[in-house]
């Protein structure tokens, strides 16, 4: 009795299975890279959104301060409906009549 006779023959390599495994592995690597890229893009957009929100708030504060100073200096003003007033002039959103007093150039209309 020869001990080598009982050994199983080496497995037959299945070329189709090998190609499928290779393609699946390549796709997995690509999907992981896409996910990493998407996370990076989302982080970047979140950072930009926070920065732009801060800039908008700063712009609104600067314009509001300038508008108040102009109104206090008795420049011509206009009563604008809230829905026609740009967001940066929303100085009196507490008013019951739904209007804002804003600096106005009567010659410009």
C-alpha atoms as a PDB file:
ATOM      1  CA  UNK A   1       0.000   0.000   0.000  1.00  0.00           C
ATOM      2  CA  UNK A   2       1.464   3.303  -1.055  1.00  0.00           C
ATOM      3  CA  UNK A   3       0.425   6.347   1.013  1.00  0.00           C
ATOM      4  CA  UNK A   4       0.709   8.601  -2.057  1.00  0.00           C
ATOM      5  CA  UNK A   5      -2.037   6.687  -3.888  1.00  0.00           C
ATOM      6  CA  UNK A   6      -4.740   7.873  -1.405  1.00  0.00           C
ATOM      7  CA  UNK A   7      -4.022  11.577  -1.992  1.00  0.00           C
ATOM      8  CA  UNK A   8      -6.717  13.530  -3.864  1.00  0.00           C
ATOM      9  CA  UNK A   9      -5.767  14.855  -7.254  1.00  0.00           C
ATOM     10  CA  UNK A  10      -5.023  18.607  -7.376  1.00  0.00           C
ATOM     11  CA  UNK A  11      -8.143  20.704  -8.043  1.00  0.00           C
ATOM     12  CA  UNK A  12      -8.762  21.624 -11.635  1.00  0.00           C
ATOM     13  CA  UNK A  13      -8.496  25.369 -12.048  1.00  0.00           C
ATOM     14  CA  UNK A  14     -11.723  26.814 -13.334  1.00  0.00           C
ATOM     15  CA  UNK A  15     -10.784  29.728 -15.597  1.00  0.00           C
ATOM     16  CA  UNK A  16     -14.295  31.184 -15.535  1.00  0.00           C
ATOM     17  CA  UNK A  17     -14.352  31.158 -11.722  1.00  0.00           C
ATOM     18  CA  UNK A  18     -10.908  32.775 -11.623  1.00  0.00           C
ATOM     19  CA  UNK A  19     -12.004  35.561 -14.000  1.00  0.00           C
ATOM     20  CA  UNK A  20     -15.153  36.161 -11.993  1.00  0.00           C
ATOM     21  CA  UNK A  21     -13.194  36.353  -8.723  1.00  0.00           C
ATOM     22  CA  UNK A  22     -10.718  38.796 -10.294  1.00  0.00           C
ATOM     23  CA  UNK A  23     -13.528  41.007 -11.696  1.00  0.00           C
ATOM     24  CA  UNK A  24     -15.370  40.948  -8.357  1.00  0.00           C
ATOM     25  CA  UNK A  25     -12.214  41.914  -6.502  1.00  0.00           C
ATOM     26  CA  UNK A  26     -11.514  44.780  -8.925  1.00  0.00           C
ATOM     27  CA  UNK A  27     -15.103  46.026  -8.584  1.00  0.00           C
ATOM     28  CA  UNK A  28     -14.865  45.866  -4.784  1.00  0.00           C
ATOM     29  CA  UNK A  29     -11.715  47.993  -4.854  1.00  0.00           C
ATOM     30  CA  UNK A  30     -13.430  50.487  -7.192  1.00  0.00           C
ATOM     31  CA  UNK A  31     -16.560  50.706  -4.998  1.00  0.00           C
ATOM     32  CA  UNK A  32     -14.447  51.262  -1.872  1.00  0.00           C
ATOM     33  CA  UNK A  33     -12.588  54.078  -3.664  1.00  0.00           C
ATOM     34  CA  UNK A  34     -15.886  55.619  -4.844  1.00  0.00           C
ATOM     35  CA  UNK A  35     -17.212  55.526  -1.271  1.00  0.00           C
ATOM     36  CA  UNK A  36     -14.049  57.177   0.052  1.00  0.00           C
ATOM     37  CA  UNK A  37     -14.265  59.853  -2.666  1.00  0.00           C
ATOM     38  CA  UNK A  38     -17.932  60.526  -1.832  1.00  0.00           C
ATOM     39  CA  UNK A  39     -17.147  60.883   1.892  1.00  0.00           C
ATOM     40  CA  UNK A  40     -14.360  63.344   1.070  1.00  0.00           C
ATOM     41  CA  UNK A  41     -16.657  65.318  -1.244  1.00  0.00           C
ATOM     42  CA  UNK A  42     -19.408  65.418   1.389  1.00  0.00           C
ATOM     43  CA  UNK A  43     -16.938  66.634   4.024  1.00  0.00           C
ATOM     44  CA  UNK A  44     -15.725  69.337   1.641  1.00  0.00           C
ATOM     45  CA  UNK A  45     -19.280  70.451   0.850  1.00  0.00           C
ATOM     46  CA  UNK A  46     -20.171  70.524   4.539  1.00  0.00           C
ATOM     47  CA  UNK A  47     -17.161  72.700   5.269  1.00  0.00           C
ATOM     48  CA  UNK A  48     -18.052  75.014   2.375  1.00  0.00           C
ATOM     49  CA  UNK A  49     -21.678  75.254   3.512  1.00  0.00           C
ATOM     50  CA  UNK A  50     -20.607  76.260   7.022  1.00  0.00           C
ATOM     51  CA  UNK A  51     -18.184  78.838   5.602  1.00  0.00           C
ATOM     52  CA  UNK A  52     -20.826  80.290   3.247  1.00  0.00           C
ATOM     53  CA  UNK A  53     -23.402  80.443   6.038  1.00  0.00           C
ATOM     54  CA  UNK A  54     -20.927  82.364   8.175  1.00  0.00           C
ATOM     55  CA  UNK A  55     -20.208  84.735   5.269  1.00  0.00           C
ATOM     56  CA  UNK A  56     -23.937  85.297   4.685  1.00  0.00           C
ATOM     57  CA  UNK A  57     -24.447  86.122   8.366  1.00  0.00           C
ATOM     58  CA  UNK A  58     -21.517  88.531   8.321  1.00  0.00           C
ATOM     59  CA  UNK A  59     -22.824  90.206   5.133  1.00  0.00           C
ATOM     60  CA  UNK A  60     -26.291  90.531   6.656  1.00  0.00           C
ATOM     61  CA  UNK A  61     -24.841  92.081   9.824  1.00  0.00           C
ATOM     62  CA  UNK A  62     -22.697  94.576   7.848  1.00  0.00           C
ATOM     63  CA  UNK A  63     -25.543  95.626   5.552  1.00  0.00           C
ATOM     64  CA  UNK A  64     -27.986  95.882   8.463  1.00  0.00           C
ATOM     65  CA  UNK A  65     -25.539  98.058  10.396  1.00  0.00           C
ATOM     66  CA  UNK A  66     -25.015 100.273   7.338  1.00  0.00           C
ATOM     67  CA  UNK A  67     -28.776 100.530   6.698  1.00  0.00           C
ATOM     68  CA  UNK A  68     -29.450 101.483  10.325  1.00  0.00           C
ATOM     69  CA  UNK A  69     -26.721 104.138  10.165  1.00  0.00           C
ATOM     70  CA  UNK A  70     -28.203 105.571   6.955  1.00  0.00           C
ATOM     71  CA  UNK A  71     -31.723 105.628   8.416  1.00  0.00           C
ATOM     72  CA  UNK A  72     -30.432 107.308  11.584  1.00  0.00           C
ATOM     73  CA  UNK A  73     -28.700 109.902   9.355  1.00  0.00           C
ATOM     74  CA  UNK A  74     -32.112 110.754   7.834  1.00  0.00           C
ATOM     75  CA  UNK A  75     -31.500 109.556   4.289  1.00  0.00           C
ATOM     76  CA  UNK A  76     -34.689 109.028   2.260  1.00  0.00           C
ATOM     77  CA  UNK A  77     -36.443 105.783   3.172  1.00  0.00           C
ATOM     78  CA  UNK A  78     -39.133 103.583   1.706  1.00  0.00           C
ATOM     79  CA  UNK A  79     -41.643 101.210   3.275  1.00  0.00           C
ATOM     80  CA  UNK A  80     -41.114  97.879   1.456  1.00  0.00           C
ATOM     81  CA  UNK A  81     -43.298  94.804   1.892  1.00  0.00           C
ATOM     82  CA  UNK A  82     -41.395  91.948   3.566  1.00  0.00           C
ATOM     83  CA  UNK A  83     -41.744  89.723   0.494  1.00  0.00           C
ATOM     84  CA  UNK A  84     -40.127  92.406  -1.720  1.00  0.00           C
ATOM     85  CA  UNK A  85     -37.308  93.242   0.692  1.00  0.00           C
ATOM     86  CA  UNK A  86     -33.915  91.543   0.193  1.00  0.00           C
ATOM     87  CA  UNK A  87     -32.943  89.288   3.124  1.00  0.00           C
ATOM     88  CA  UNK A  88     -30.076  91.573   4.124  1.00  0.00           C
ATOM     89  CA  UNK A  89     -32.495  94.449   4.808  1.00  0.00           C
ATOM     90  CA  UNK A  90     -34.766  92.474   7.119  1.00  0.00           C
ATOM     91  CA  UNK A  91     -34.323  94.878   9.993  1.00  0.00           C
ATOM     92  CA  UNK A  92     -37.898  95.016  11.263  1.00  0.00           C
ATOM     93  CA  UNK A  93     -39.337  91.558  10.792  1.00  0.00           C
ATOM     94  CA  UNK A  94     -41.237  92.055  14.049  1.00  0.00           C
ATOM     95  CA  UNK A  95     -43.563  94.688  12.534  1.00  0.00           C
ATOM     96  CA  UNK A  96     -47.259  93.807  12.324  1.00  0.00           C
ATOM     97  CA  UNK A  97     -47.781  95.528   8.961  1.00  0.00           C
ATOM     98  CA  UNK A  98     -45.336  93.193   7.155  1.00  0.00           C
ATOM     99  CA  UNK A  99     -43.107  96.004   5.921  1.00  0.00           C
ATOM    100  CA  UNK A 100     -39.535  97.169   6.314  1.00  0.00           C
ATOM    101  CA  UNK A 101     -38.176 100.694   6.437  1.00  0.00           C
ATOM    102  CA  UNK A 102     -35.154 100.672   4.135  1.00  0.00           C
ATOM    103  CA  UNK A 103     -32.788 103.341   2.806  1.00  0.00           C
ATOM    104  CA  UNK A 104     -34.106 104.474  -0.554  1.00  0.00           C
ATOM    105  CA  UNK A 105     -32.820 106.414  -3.515  1.00  0.00           C
ATOM    106  CA  UNK A 106     -35.986 108.117  -4.843  1.00  0.00           C
ATOM    107  CA  UNK A 107     -34.233 108.959  -8.098  1.00  0.00           C
ATOM    108  CA  UNK A 108     -33.543 105.267  -8.757  1.00  0.00           C
ATOM    109  CA  UNK A 109     -37.175 104.326  -8.230  1.00  0.00           C
END
